[in-house]
PDB file of N, CA and C in Angstrom:
ATOM      1  N   MET A   1      47.409 137.797  45.080  1.00  0.00           N
ATOM      2  CA  MET A   1      47.719 136.387  44.937  1.00  0.00           C
ATOM      3  C   MET A   1      49.204 136.160  45.221  1.00  0.00           C
ATOM      4  N   VAL A   2      49.498 135.102  45.954  1.00  0.00           N
ATOM      5  CA  VAL A   2      50.873 134.763  46.301  1.00  0.00           C
ATOM      6  C   VAL A   2      51.597 134.242  45.060  1.00  0.00           C
ATOM      7  N   LYS A   3      52.799 134.793  44.821  1.00  0.00           N
ATOM      8  CA  LYS A   3      53.605 134.410  43.650  1.00  0.00           C
ATOM      9  C   LYS A   3      54.754 133.519  44.111  1.00  0.00           C
ATOM     10  N   ILE A   4      54.903 132.376  43.441  1.00  0.00           N
ATOM     11  CA  ILE A   4      55.958 131.412  43.777  1.00  0.00           C
ATOM     12  C   ILE A   4      56.819 131.162  42.545  1.00  0.00           C
ATOM     13  N   LEU A   5      58.133 131.261  42.729  1.00  0.00           N
ATOM     14  CA  LEU A   5      59.086 130.925  41.675  1.00  0.00           C
ATOM     15  C   LEU A   5      59.554 129.495  41.926  1.00  0.00           C
ATOM     16  N   VAL A   6      59.416 128.642  40.916  1.00  0.00           N
ATOM     17  CA  VAL A   6      59.836 127.244  41.011  1.00  0.00           C
ATOM     18  C   VAL A   6      61.060 127.050  40.130  1.00  0.00           C
ATOM     19  N   ALA A   7      62.168 126.647  40.738  1.00  0.00           N
ATOM     20  CA  ALA A   7      63.404 126.359  39.998  1.00  0.00           C
ATOM     21  C   ALA A   7      63.650 124.851  40.061  1.00  0.00           C
ATOM     22  N   GLU A   8      63.493 124.191  38.927  1.00  0.00           N
ATOM     23  CA  GLU A   8      63.616 122.737  38.842  1.00  0.00           C
ATOM     24  C   GLU A   8      64.081 122.389  37.431  1.00  0.00           C
ATOM     25  N   ASP A   9      65.152 121.603  37.324  1.00  0.00           N
ATOM     26  CA  ASP A   9      65.700 121.304  36.001  1.00  0.00           C
ATOM     27  C   ASP A   9      64.957 120.183  35.279  1.00  0.00           C
ATOM     28  N   GLU A  10      64.266 119.318  35.992  1.00  0.00           N
ATOM     29  CA  GLU A  10      63.525 118.239  35.340  1.00  0.00           C
ATOM     30  C   GLU A  10      62.138 118.741  34.948  1.00  0.00           C
ATOM     31  N   ARG A  11      61.893 118.792  33.638  1.00  0.00           N
ATOM     32  CA  ARG A  11      60.670 119.389  33.111  1.00  0.00           C
ATOM     33  C   ARG A  11      59.399 118.782  33.696  1.00  0.00           C
ATOM     34  N   ASP A  12      59.329 117.447  33.769  1.00  0.00           N
ATOM     35  CA  ASP A  12      58.112 116.798  34.273  1.00  0.00           C
ATOM     36  C   ASP A  12      57.829 117.185  35.722  1.00  0.00           C
ATOM     37  N   ILE A  13      58.858 117.214  36.525  1.00  0.00           N
ATOM     38  CA  ILE A  13      58.689 117.597  37.936  1.00  0.00           C
ATOM     39  C   ILE A  13      58.308 119.068  38.033  1.00  0.00           C
ATOM     40  N   ARG A  14      58.972 119.907  37.230  1.00  0.00           N
ATOM     41  CA  ARG A  14      58.677 121.351  37.214  1.00  0.00           C
ATOM     42  C   ARG A  14      57.214 121.593  36.854  1.00  0.00           C
ATOM     43  N   GLU A  15      56.724 120.897  35.833  1.00  0.00           N
ATOM     44  CA  GLU A  15      55.340 121.056  35.398  1.00  0.00           C
ATOM     45  C   GLU A  15      54.355 120.520  36.435  1.00  0.00           C
ATOM     46  N   LEU A  16      54.702 119.406  37.095  1.00  0.00           N
ATOM     47  CA  LEU A  16      53.836 118.851  38.135  1.00  0.00           C
ATOM     48  C   LEU A  16      53.719 119.830  39.309  1.00  0.00           C
ATOM     49  N   ILE A  17      54.841 120.403  39.717  1.00  0.00           N
ATOM     50  CA  ILE A  17      54.827 121.371  40.815  1.00  0.00           C
ATOM     51  C   ILE A  17      54.002 122.592  40.416  1.00  0.00           C
ATOM     52  N   ALA A  18      54.211 123.083  39.202  1.00  0.00           N
ATOM     53  CA  ALA A  18      53.464 124.255  38.726  1.00  0.00           C
ATOM     54  C   ALA A  18      51.968 123.968  38.712  1.00  0.00           C
ATOM     55  N   PHE A  19      51.567 122.802  38.187  1.00  0.00           N
ATOM     56  CA  PHE A  19      50.156 122.432  38.141  1.00  0.00           C
ATOM     57  C   PHE A  19      49.571 122.366  39.555  1.00  0.00           C
ATOM     58  N   THR A  20      50.300 121.719  40.457  1.00  0.00           N
ATOM     59  CA  THR A  20      49.847 121.565  41.841  1.00  0.00           C
ATOM     60  C   THR A  20      49.635 122.920  42.507  1.00  0.00           C
ATOM     61  N   LEU A  21      50.598 123.813  42.351  1.00  0.00           N
ATOM     62  CA  LEU A  21      50.507 125.124  42.998  1.00  0.00           C
ATOM     63  C   LEU A  21      49.441 126.005  42.358  1.00  0.00           C
ATOM     64  N   ARG A  22      49.314 125.934  41.046  1.00  0.00           N
ATOM     65  CA  ARG A  22      48.265 126.716  40.371  1.00  0.00           C
ATOM     66  C   ARG A  22      46.879 126.220  40.784  1.00  0.00           C
ATOM     67  N   PHE A  23      46.743 124.921  40.948  1.00  0.00           N
ATOM     68  CA  PHE A  23      45.475 124.333  41.387  1.00  0.00           C
ATOM     69  C   PHE A  23      45.117 124.840  42.792  1.00  0.00           C
ATOM     70  N   ALA A  24      46.144 125.140  43.597  1.00  0.00           N
ATOM     71  CA  ALA A  24      45.942 125.661  44.957  1.00  0.00           C
ATOM     72  C   ALA A  24      45.843 127.192  44.955  1.00  0.00           C
ATOM     73  N   ASN A  25      45.669 127.783  43.765  1.00  0.00           N
ATOM     74  CA  ASN A  25      45.474 129.233  43.601  1.00  0.00           C
ATOM     75  C   ASN A  25      46.699 130.092  43.870  1.00  0.00           C
ATOM     76  N   PHE A  26      47.871 129.566  43.563  1.00  0.00           N
ATOM     77  CA  PHE A  26      49.094 130.360  43.627  1.00  0.00           C
ATOM     78  C   PHE A  26      49.452 130.792  42.208  1.00  0.00           C
ATOM     79  N   GLU A  27      50.074 131.949  42.093  1.00  0.00           N
ATOM     80  CA  GLU A  27      50.648 132.380  40.816  1.00  0.00           C
ATOM     81  C   GLU A  27      52.026 131.738  40.746  1.00  0.00           C
ATOM     82  N   VAL A  28      52.363 131.126  39.621  1.00  0.00           N
ATOM     83  CA  VAL A  28      53.614 130.379  39.511  1.00  0.00           C
ATOM     84  C   VAL A  28      54.453 130.880  38.344  1.00  0.00           C
ATOM     85  N   GLU A  29      55.728 131.109  38.620  1.00  0.00           N
ATOM     86  CA  GLU A  29      56.735 131.429  37.605  1.00  0.00           C
ATOM     87  C   GLU A  29      57.731 130.276  37.613  1.00  0.00           C
ATOM     88  N   LEU A  30      58.300 129.955  36.451  1.00  0.00           N
ATOM     89  CA  LEU A  30      59.194 128.807  36.352  1.00  0.00           C
ATOM     90  C   LEU A  30      60.605 129.188  35.917  1.00  0.00           C
ATOM     91  N   ALA A  31      61.576 128.461  36.471  1.00  0.00           N
ATOM     92  CA  ALA A  31      62.977 128.585  36.072  1.00  0.00           C
ATOM     93  C   ALA A  31      63.514 127.169  35.870  1.00  0.00           C
ATOM     94  N   ARG A  32      64.370 127.002  34.848  1.00  0.00           N
ATOM     95  CA  ARG A  32      64.892 125.670  34.522  1.00  0.00           C
ATOM     96  C   ARG A  32      66.149 125.294  35.294  1.00  0.00           C
ATOM     97  N   ASN A  33      66.742 126.249  35.984  1.00  0.00           N
ATOM     98  CA  ASN A  33      67.955 125.964  36.745  1.00  0.00           C
ATOM     99  C   ASN A  33      68.210 127.096  37.741  1.00  0.00           C
ATOM    100  N   GLY A  34      69.238 126.933  38.561  1.00  0.00           N
ATOM    101  CA  GLY A  34      69.537 127.935  39.580  1.00  0.00           C
ATOM    102  C   GLY A  34      69.922 129.280  39.007  1.00  0.00           C
ATOM    103  N   ALA A  35      70.685 129.274  37.921  1.00  0.00           N
ATOM    104  CA  ALA A  35      71.116 130.533  37.313  1.00  0.00           C
ATOM    105  C   ALA A  35      69.914 131.318  36.803  1.00  0.00           C
ATOM    106  N   GLU A  36      68.960 130.621  36.196  1.00  0.00           N
ATOM    107  CA  GLU A  36      67.760 131.284  35.693  1.00  0.00           C
ATOM    108  C   GLU A  36      66.921 131.835  36.851  1.00  0.00           C
ATOM    109  N   ALA A  37      66.894 131.117  37.955  1.00  0.00           N
ATOM    110  CA  ALA A  37      66.154 131.582  39.134  1.00  0.00           C
ATOM    111  C   ALA A  37      66.774 132.868  39.687  1.00  0.00           C
ATOM    112  N   VAL A  38      68.102 132.909  39.740  1.00  0.00           N
ATOM    113  CA  VAL A  38      68.805 134.096  40.235  1.00  0.00           C
ATOM    114  C   VAL A  38      68.545 135.290  39.316  1.00  0.00           C
ATOM    115  N   GLU A  39      68.417 135.027  38.028  1.00  0.00           N
ATOM    116  CA  GLU A  39      68.141 136.081  37.049  1.00  0.00           C
ATOM    117  C   GLU A  39      66.693 136.574  37.141  1.00  0.00           C
ATOM    118  N   LYS A  40      65.744 135.642  37.294  1.00  0.00           N
ATOM    119  CA  LYS A  40      64.318 135.989  37.294  1.00  0.00           C
ATOM    120  C   LYS A  40      63.832 136.601  38.609  1.00  0.00           C
ATOM    121  N   ALA A  41      64.343 136.122  39.726  1.00  0.00           N
ATOM    122  CA  ALA A  41      63.815 136.528  41.038  1.00  0.00           C
ATOM    123  C   ALA A  41      63.786 138.043  41.256  1.00  0.00           C
ATOM    124  N   PRO A  42      64.851 138.787  40.926  1.00  0.00           N
ATOM    125  CA  PRO A  42      64.793 140.239  41.148  1.00  0.00           C
ATOM    126  C   PRO A  42      63.775 140.936  40.241  1.00  0.00           C
ATOM    127  N   GLU A  43      63.474 140.337  39.088  1.00  0.00           N
ATOM    128  CA  GLU A  43      62.511 140.927  38.158  1.00  0.00           C
ATOM    129  C   GLU A  43      61.072 140.726  38.631  1.00  0.00           C
ATOM    130  N   ILE A  44      60.763 139.516  39.108  1.00  0.00           N
ATOM    131  CA  ILE A  44      59.380 139.194  39.467  1.00  0.00           C
ATOM    132  C   ILE A  44      59.095 139.325  40.958  1.00  0.00           C
ATOM    133  N   VAL A  45      60.135 139.336  41.785  1.00  0.00           N
ATOM    134  CA  VAL A  45      60.052 139.418  43.249  1.00  0.00           C
ATOM    135  C   VAL A  45      58.925 138.515  43.801  1.00  0.00           C
ATOM    136  N   PRO A  46      59.158 137.195  43.766  1.00  0.00           N
ATOM    137  CA  PRO A  46      58.141 136.273  44.272  1.00  0.00           C
ATOM    138  C   PRO A  46      58.029 136.329  45.797  1.00  0.00           C
ATOM    139  N   ASP A  47      56.933 135.791  46.305  1.00  0.00           N
ATOM    140  CA  ASP A  47      56.733 135.706  47.757  1.00  0.00           C
ATOM    141  C   ASP A  47      57.494 134.529  48.344  1.00  0.00           C
ATOM    142  N   LEU A  48      57.803 133.546  47.488  1.00  0.00           N
ATOM    143  CA  LEU A  48      58.460 132.317  47.918  1.00  0.00           C
ATOM    144  C   LEU A  48      59.173 131.700  46.722  1.00  0.00           C
ATOM    145  N   ILE A  49      60.296 131.023  46.989  1.00  0.00           N
ATOM    146  CA  ILE A  49      61.015 130.299  45.935  1.00  0.00           C
ATOM    147  C   ILE A  49      61.122 128.842  46.348  1.00  0.00           C
ATOM    148  N   LEU A  50      60.674 127.946  45.462  1.00  0.00           N
ATOM    149  CA  LEU A  50      60.875 126.506  45.631  1.00  0.00           C
ATOM    150  C   LEU A  50      62.005 126.129  44.693  1.00  0.00           C
ATOM    151  N   MET A  51      63.055 125.506  45.235  1.00  0.00           N
ATOM    152  CA  MET A  51      64.233 125.271  44.409  1.00  0.00           C
ATOM    153  C   MET A  51      64.820 123.881  44.627  1.00  0.00           C
ATOM    154  N   ASP A  52      65.041 123.199  43.505  1.00  0.00           N
ATOM    155  CA  ASP A  52      65.738 121.918  43.547  1.00  0.00           C
ATOM    156  C   ASP A  52      67.169 122.178  43.998  1.00  0.00           C
ATOM    157  N   VAL A  53      67.778 121.182  44.618  1.00  0.00           N
ATOM    158  CA  VAL A  53      69.168 121.333  45.063  1.00  0.00           C
ATOM    159  C   VAL A  53      70.134 121.030  43.926  1.00  0.00           C
ATOM    160  N   ARG A  54      69.933 119.908  43.251  1.00  0.00           N
ATOM    161  CA  ARG A  54      70.858 119.464  42.200  1.00  0.00           C
ATOM    162  C   ARG A  54      70.365 119.924  40.830  1.00  0.00           C
ATOM    163  N   MET A  55      71.011 120.973  40.314  1.00  0.00           N
ATOM    164  CA  MET A  55      70.660 121.507  38.995  1.00  0.00           C
ATOM    165  C   MET A  55      71.932 121.868  38.240  1.00  0.00           C
ATOM    166  N   PRO A  56      71.857 121.884  36.900  1.00  0.00           N
ATOM    167  CA  PRO A  56      73.021 122.295  36.109  1.00  0.00           C
ATOM    168  C   PRO A  56      73.237 123.807  36.187  1.00  0.00           C
ATOM    169  N   LEU A  57      74.403 124.250  35.786  1.00  0.00           N
ATOM    170  CA  LEU A  57      74.828 125.651  35.751  1.00  0.00           C
ATOM    171  C   LEU A  57      75.067 126.235  37.142  1.00  0.00           C
ATOM    172  N   MET A  58      74.119 126.053  38.044  1.00  0.00           N
ATOM    173  CA  MET A  58      74.235 126.587  39.398  1.00  0.00           C
ATOM    174  C   MET A  58      73.362 125.725  40.305  1.00  0.00           C
ATOM    175  N   THR A  59      73.949 125.168  41.357  1.00  0.00           N
ATOM    176  CA  THR A  59      73.150 124.343  42.268  1.00  0.00           C
ATOM    177  C   THR A  59      72.162 125.215  43.031  1.00  0.00           C
ATOM    178  N   GLY A  60      71.211 124.571  43.661  1.00  0.00           N
ATOM    179  CA  GLY A  60      70.269 125.302  44.491  1.00  0.00           C
ATOM    180  C   GLY A  60      70.969 126.038  45.615  1.00  0.00           C
ATOM    181  N   TYR A  61      71.991 125.415  46.193  1.00  0.00           N
ATOM    182  CA  TYR A  61      72.741 126.066  47.273  1.00  0.00           C
ATOM    183  C   TYR A  61      73.415 127.344  46.767  1.00  0.00           C
ATOM    184  N   GLU A  62      74.070 127.244  45.605  1.00  0.00           N
ATOM    185  CA  GLU A  62      74.741 128.421  45.037  1.00  0.00           C
ATOM    186  C   GLU A  62      73.731 129.513  44.689  1.00  0.00           C
ATOM    187  N   ALA A  63      72.601 129.099  44.130  1.00  0.00           N
ATOM    188  CA  ALA A  63      71.565 130.072  43.772  1.00  0.00           C
ATOM    189  C   ALA A  63      71.006 130.751  45.019  1.00  0.00           C
ATOM    190  N   CYS A  64      70.776 129.987  46.061  1.00  0.00           N
ATOM    191  CA  CYS A  64      70.248 130.557  47.309  1.00  0.00           C
ATOM    192  C   CYS A  64      71.239 131.562  47.892  1.00  0.00           C
ATOM    193  N   GLU A  65      72.524 131.205  47.896  1.00  0.00           N
ATOM    194  CA  GLU A  65      73.541 132.146  48.385  1.00  0.00           C
ATOM    195  C   GLU A  65      73.529 133.440  47.576  1.00  0.00           C
ATOM    196  N   ALA A  66      73.429 133.321  46.254  1.00  0.00           N
ATOM    197  CA  ALA A  66      73.403 134.512  45.395  1.00  0.00           C
ATOM    198  C   ALA A  66      72.158 135.355  45.684  1.00  0.00           C
ATOM    199  N   LEU A  67      71.022 134.710  45.861  1.00  0.00           N
ATOM    200  CA  LEU A  67      69.774 135.432  46.153  1.00  0.00           C
ATOM    201  C   LEU A  67      69.853 136.152  47.494  1.00  0.00           C
ATOM    202  N   LYS A  68      70.490 135.538  48.462  1.00  0.00           N
ATOM    203  CA  LYS A  68      70.595 136.131  49.801  1.00  0.00           C
ATOM    204  C   LYS A  68      71.578 137.303  49.827  1.00  0.00           C
ATOM    205  N   GLN A  69      72.429 137.421  48.797  1.00  0.00           N
ATOM    206  CA  GLN A  69      73.374 138.537  48.716  1.00  0.00           C
ATOM    207  C   GLN A  69      72.815 139.726  47.947  1.00  0.00           C
ATOM    208  N   ASN A  70      71.649 139.547  47.321  1.00  0.00           N
ATOM    209  CA  ASN A  70      71.026 140.608  46.541  1.00  0.00           C
ATOM    210  C   ASN A  70      69.986 141.310  47.415  1.00  0.00           C
ATOM    211  N   ALA A  71      70.097 142.623  47.550  1.00  0.00           N
ATOM    212  CA  ALA A  71      69.177 143.383  48.403  1.00  0.00           C
ATOM    213  C   ALA A  71      67.717 143.189  48.009  1.00  0.00           C
ATOM    214  N   LYS A  72      67.461 142.991  46.726  1.00  0.00           N
ATOM    215  CA  LYS A  72      66.094 142.858  46.240  1.00  0.00           C
ATOM    216  C   LYS A  72      65.484 141.481  46.534  1.00  0.00           C
ATOM    217  N   THR A  73      66.336 140.477  46.735  1.00  0.00           N
ATOM    218  CA  THR A  73      65.831 139.112  46.917  1.00  0.00           C
ATOM    219  C   THR A  73      66.218 138.475  48.251  1.00  0.00           C
ATOM    220  N   LYS A  74      66.996 139.155  49.054  1.00  0.00           N
ATOM    221  CA  LYS A  74      67.533 138.522  50.267  1.00  0.00           C
ATOM    222  C   LYS A  74      66.474 138.090  51.276  1.00  0.00           C
ATOM    223  N   ASN A  75      65.308 138.734  51.266  1.00  0.00           N
ATOM    224  CA  ASN A  75      64.273 138.382  52.238  1.00  0.00           C
ATOM    225  C   ASN A  75      63.219 137.423  51.707  1.00  0.00           C
ATOM    226  N   ILE A  76      63.397 136.949  50.477  1.00  0.00           N
ATOM    227  CA  ILE A  76      62.453 135.987  49.910  1.00  0.00           C
ATOM    228  C   ILE A  76      62.767 134.607  50.486  1.00  0.00           C
ATOM    229  N   PRO A  77      61.782 133.961  51.110  1.00  0.00           N
ATOM    230  CA  PRO A  77      62.042 132.626  51.654  1.00  0.00           C
ATOM    231  C   PRO A  77      62.284 131.611  50.546  1.00  0.00           C
ATOM    232  N   VAL A  78      63.230 130.705  50.795  1.00  0.00           N
ATOM    233  CA  VAL A  78      63.578 129.645  49.851  1.00  0.00           C
ATOM    234  C   VAL A  78      63.311 128.302  50.517  1.00  0.00           C
ATOM    235  N   ILE A  79      62.584 127.445  49.817  1.00  0.00           N
ATOM    236  CA  ILE A  79      62.375 126.070  50.259  1.00  0.00           C
ATOM    237  C   ILE A  79      63.082 125.169  49.263  1.00  0.00           C
ATOM    238  N   PHE A  80      63.993 124.333  49.759  1.00  0.00           N
ATOM    239  CA  PHE A  80      64.682 123.397  48.878  1.00  0.00           C
ATOM    240  C   PHE A  80      63.854 122.139  48.671  1.00  0.00           C
ATOM    241  N   LEU A  81      63.920 121.614  47.453  1.00  0.00           N
ATOM    242  CA  LEU A  81      63.320 120.339  47.094  1.00  0.00           C
ATOM    243  C   LEU A  81      64.469 119.409  46.746  1.00  0.00           C
ATOM    244  N   SER A  82      64.522 118.242  47.377  1.00  0.00           N
ATOM    245  CA  SER A  82      65.631 117.355  47.067  1.00  0.00           C
ATOM    246  C   SER A  82      65.302 115.902  47.374  1.00  0.00           C
ATOM    247  N   ALA A  83      65.867 115.018  46.569  1.00  0.00           N
ATOM    248  CA  ALA A  83      65.752 113.588  46.824  1.00  0.00           C
ATOM    249  C   ALA A  83      66.797 113.159  47.851  1.00  0.00           C
ATOM    250  N   LYS A  84      67.750 114.031  48.109  1.00  0.00           N
ATOM    251  CA  LYS A  84      68.818 113.729  49.058  1.00  0.00           C
ATOM    252  C   LYS A  84      68.418 114.245  50.437  1.00  0.00           C
ATOM    253  N   GLY A  85      68.187 113.316  51.361  1.00  0.00           N
ATOM    254  CA  GLY A  85      67.708 113.726  52.672  1.00  0.00           C
ATOM    255  C   GLY A  85      68.712 113.558  53.794  1.00  0.00           C
ATOM    256  N   GLN A  86      69.999 113.438  53.454  1.00  0.00           N
ATOM    257  CA  GLN A  86      70.990 113.305  54.504  1.00  0.00           C
ATOM    258  C   GLN A  86      71.012 114.560  55.363  1.00  0.00           C
ATOM    259  N   GLU A  87      71.226 114.365  56.645  1.00  0.00           N
ATOM    260  CA  GLU A  87      71.241 115.474  57.589  1.00  0.00           C
ATOM    261  C   GLU A  87      72.241 116.553  57.173  1.00  0.00           C
ATOM    262  N   SER A  88      73.404 116.152  56.636  1.00  0.00           N
ATOM    263  CA  SER A  88      74.421 117.134  56.241  1.00  0.00           C
ATOM    264  C   SER A  88      73.924 118.011  55.093  1.00  0.00           C
ATOM    265  N   GLU A  89      73.165 117.437  54.159  1.00  0.00           N
ATOM    266  CA  GLU A  89      72.633 118.223  53.044  1.00  0.00           C
ATOM    267  C   GLU A  89      71.550 119.187  53.519  1.00  0.00           C
ATOM    268  N   ILE A  90      70.697 118.714  54.407  1.00  0.00           N
ATOM    269  CA  ILE A  90      69.649 119.582  54.950  1.00  0.00           C
ATOM    270  C   ILE A  90      70.304 120.728  55.718  1.00  0.00           C
ATOM    271  N   GLN A  91      71.319 120.404  56.504  1.00  0.00           N
ATOM    272  CA  GLN A  91      72.037 121.430  57.275  1.00  0.00           C
ATOM    273  C   GLN A  91      72.681 122.461  56.349  1.00  0.00           C
ATOM    274  N   GLU A  92      73.297 121.991  55.268  1.00  0.00           N
ATOM    275  CA  GLU A  92      73.917 122.915  54.310  1.00  0.00           C
ATOM    276  C   GLU A  92      72.867 123.841  53.708  1.00  0.00           C
ATOM    277  N   GLY A  93      71.717 123.292  53.371  1.00  0.00           N
ATOM    278  CA  GLY A  93      70.638 124.095  52.815  1.00  0.00           C
ATOM    279  C   GLY A  93      70.195 125.187  53.772  1.00  0.00           C
ATOM    280  N   LEU A  94      70.057 124.840  55.033  1.00  0.00           N
ATOM    281  CA  LEU A  94      69.643 125.825  56.033  1.00  0.00           C
ATOM    282  C   LEU A  94      70.738 126.866  56.265  1.00  0.00           C
ATOM    283  N   GLU A  95      71.990 126.434  56.192  1.00  0.00           N
ATOM    284  CA  GLU A  95      73.115 127.360  56.388  1.00  0.00           C
ATOM    285  C   GLU A  95      73.213 128.405  55.279  1.00  0.00           C
ATOM    286  N   VAL A  96      72.834 128.055  54.050  1.00  0.00           N
ATOM    287  CA  VAL A  96      72.907 129.035  52.961  1.00  0.00           C
ATOM    288  C   VAL A  96      71.674 129.926  52.909  1.00  0.00           C
ATOM    289  N   GLY A  97      70.727 129.679  53.820  1.00  0.00           N
ATOM    290  CA  GLY A  97      69.605 130.606  53.940  1.00  0.00           C
ATOM    291  C   GLY A  97      68.222 130.057  53.664  1.00  0.00           C
ATOM    292  N   ALA A  98      68.097 128.744  53.463  1.00  0.00           N
ATOM    293  CA  ALA A  98      66.779 128.178  53.199  1.00  0.00           C
ATOM    294  C   ALA A  98      65.896 128.240  54.442  1.00  0.00           C
ATOM    295  N   THR A  99      64.603 128.371  54.197  1.00  0.00           N
ATOM    296  CA  THR A  99      63.617 128.389  55.264  1.00  0.00           C
ATOM    297  C   THR A  99      63.173 126.982  55.618  1.00  0.00           C
ATOM    298  N   ASP A 100      63.137 126.107  54.609  1.00  0.00           N
ATOM    299  CA  ASP A 100      62.651 124.747  54.811  1.00  0.00           C
ATOM    300  C   ASP A 100      63.246 123.834  53.750  1.00  0.00           C
ATOM    301  N   TYR A 101      62.999 122.533  53.905  1.00  0.00           N
ATOM    302  CA  TYR A 101      63.560 121.513  53.030  1.00  0.00           C
ATOM    303  C   TYR A 101      62.491 120.451  52.826  1.00  0.00           C
ATOM    304  N   ILE A 102      62.071 120.222  51.597  1.00  0.00           N
ATOM    305  CA  ILE A 102      61.063 119.209  51.295  1.00  0.00           C
ATOM    306  C   ILE A 102      61.731 118.074  50.526  1.00  0.00           C
ATOM    307  N   LEU A 103      61.531 116.853  51.006  1.00  0.00           N
ATOM    308  CA  LEU A 103      62.147 115.701  50.357  1.00  0.00           C
ATOM    309  C   LEU A 103      61.270 115.141  49.250  1.00  0.00           C
ATOM    310  N   LYS A 104      61.922 114.799  48.126  1.00  0.00           N
ATOM    311  CA  LYS A 104      61.248 114.129  47.017  1.00  0.00           C
ATOM    312  C   LYS A 104      61.335 112.625  47.262  1.00  0.00           C
ATOM    313  N   PRO A 105      60.387 111.857  46.847  1.00  0.00           N
ATOM    314  CA  PRO A 105      59.142 112.284  46.223  1.00  0.00           C
ATOM    315  C   PRO A 105      58.175 112.796  47.285  1.00  0.00           C
ATOM    316  N   PHE A 106      57.283 113.669  46.875  1.00  0.00           N
ATOM    317  CA  PHE A 106      56.280 114.196  47.785  1.00  0.00           C
ATOM    318  C   PHE A 106      54.922 114.129  47.099  1.00  0.00           C
ATOM    319  N   ALA A 107      53.888 114.020  47.893  1.00  0.00           N
ATOM    320  CA  ALA A 107      52.528 114.016  47.345  1.00  0.00           C
ATOM    321  C   ALA A 107      52.138 115.467  47.079  1.00  0.00           C
ATOM    322  N   PRO A 108      51.369 115.723  46.025  1.00  0.00           N
ATOM    323  CA  PRO A 108      50.964 117.100  45.722  1.00  0.00           C
ATOM    324  C   PRO A 108      50.315 117.822  46.898  1.00  0.00           C
ATOM    325  N   ASP A 109      49.436 117.138  47.640  1.00  0.00           N
ATOM    326  CA  ASP A 109      48.787 117.800  48.775  1.00  0.00           C
ATOM    327  C   ASP A 109      49.781 118.102  49.894  1.00  0.00           C
ATOM    328  N   GLU A 110      50.801 117.265  50.026  1.00  0.00           N
ATOM    329  CA  GLU A 110      51.856 117.499  51.013  1.00  0.00           C
ATOM    330  C   GLU A 110      52.654 118.756  50.649  1.00  0.00           C
ATOM    331  N   LEU A 111      52.971 118.903  49.367  1.00  0.00           N
ATOM    332  CA  LEU A 111      53.697 120.088  48.904  1.00  0.00           C
ATOM    333  C   LEU A 111      52.871 121.344  49.183  1.00  0.00           C
ATOM    334  N   THR A 112      51.607 121.319  48.808  1.00  0.00           N
ATOM    335  CA  THR A 112      50.740 122.475  49.014  1.00  0.00           C
ATOM    336  C   THR A 112      50.632 122.835  50.492  1.00  0.00           C
ATOM    337  N   SER A 113      50.456 121.832  51.341  1.00  0.00           N
ATOM    338  CA  SER A 113      50.306 122.132  52.772  1.00  0.00           C
ATOM    339  C   SER A 113      51.597 122.681  53.369  1.00  0.00           C
ATOM    340  N   GLN A 114      52.750 122.185  52.932  1.00  0.00           N
ATOM    341  CA  GLN A 114      54.011 122.709  53.453  1.00  0.00           C
ATOM    342  C   GLN A 114      54.245 124.146  52.978  1.00  0.00           C
ATOM    343  N   VAL A 115      53.915 124.425  51.730  1.00  0.00           N
ATOM    344  CA  VAL A 115      54.052 125.783  51.206  1.00  0.00           C
ATOM    345  C   VAL A 115      53.143 126.735  51.984  1.00  0.00           C
ATOM    346  N   LYS A 116      51.898 126.329  52.196  1.00  0.00           N
ATOM    347  CA  LYS A 116      50.956 127.166  52.944  1.00  0.00           C
ATOM    348  C   LYS A 116      51.420 127.387  54.380  1.00  0.00           C
ATOM    349  N   ARG A 117      51.970 126.344  54.992  1.00  0.00           N
ATOM    350  CA  ARG A 117      52.471 126.461  56.370  1.00  0.00           C
ATOM    351  C   ARG A 117      53.601 127.486  56.449  1.00  0.00           C
ATOM    352  N   VAL A 118      54.557 127.398  55.535  1.00  0.00           N
ATOM    353  CA  VAL A 118      55.692 128.332  55.535  1.00  0.00           C
ATOM    354  C   VAL A 118      55.199 129.758  55.284  1.00  0.00           C
ATOM    355  N   LEU A 119      54.308 129.924  54.329  1.00  0.00           N
ATOM    356  CA  LEU A 119      53.784 131.266  54.047  1.00  0.00           C
ATOM    357  C   LEU A 119      53.042 131.835  55.255  1.00  0.00           C
ATOM    358  N   LYS A 120      52.297 130.982  55.948  1.00  0.00           N
ATOM    359  CA  LYS A 120      51.561 131.444  57.140  1.00  0.00           C
ATOM    360  C   LYS A 120      52.538 131.840  58.239  1.00  0.00           C
ATOM    361  N   GLU A 121      53.575 131.027  58.452  1.00  0.00           N
ATOM    362  CA  GLU A 121      54.586 131.343  59.477  1.00  0.00           C
ATOM    363  C   GLU A 121      55.281 132.667  59.188  1.00  0.00           C
ATOM    364  N   LEU A 122      55.423 132.986  57.909  1.00  0.00           N
ATOM    365  CA  LEU A 122      56.104 134.211  57.513  1.00  0.00           C
ATOM    366  C   LEU A 122      55.140 135.388  57.355  1.00  0.00           C
ATOM    367  N   GLY A 123      53.860 135.139  57.637  1.00  0.00           N
ATOM    368  CA  GLY A 123      52.863 136.203  57.541  1.00  0.00           C
ATOM    369  C   GLY A 123      52.521 136.600  56.122  1.00  0.00           C
ATOM    370  N   LYS A 124      52.716 135.667  55.168  1.00  0.00           N
ATOM    371  CA  LYS A 124      52.462 135.973  53.760  1.00  0.00           C
ATOM    372  C   LYS A 124      51.210 135.260  53.238  1.00  0.00           C
ATOM    373  N   ALA A 125      50.539 134.531  54.108  1.00  0.00           N
ATOM    374  CA  ALA A 125      49.346 133.792  53.642  1.00  0.00           C
ATOM    375  C   ALA A 125      48.074 134.434  54.139  1.00  0.00           C
TER     376      ALA A 125
END
């Protein structure tokens, strides 16, 4: 089963994403912020990380950079989730190592299909 780590500071959104992904038969681990994601990822080694951009303690960008510097997590694809869709923010996300960028709000089926598409492109589905 594909394991996905979700890093999102807003509890309701985090739970909605977890419910959506579990309903689509993914194993889901949760982190409340970027720092927690950086701590958990090497322990659980997920197949994919979904990460909010704006979080306390460590932004998604900072967390992604830290993950890409760790030998154990550097090859894990990261998809950013953000309400900010400016081209400069998307570009920054891709520059720090993200595979994709999903804009909030998103429909649950849209999230699932984008996750499946990325996993298929990476040969993990």
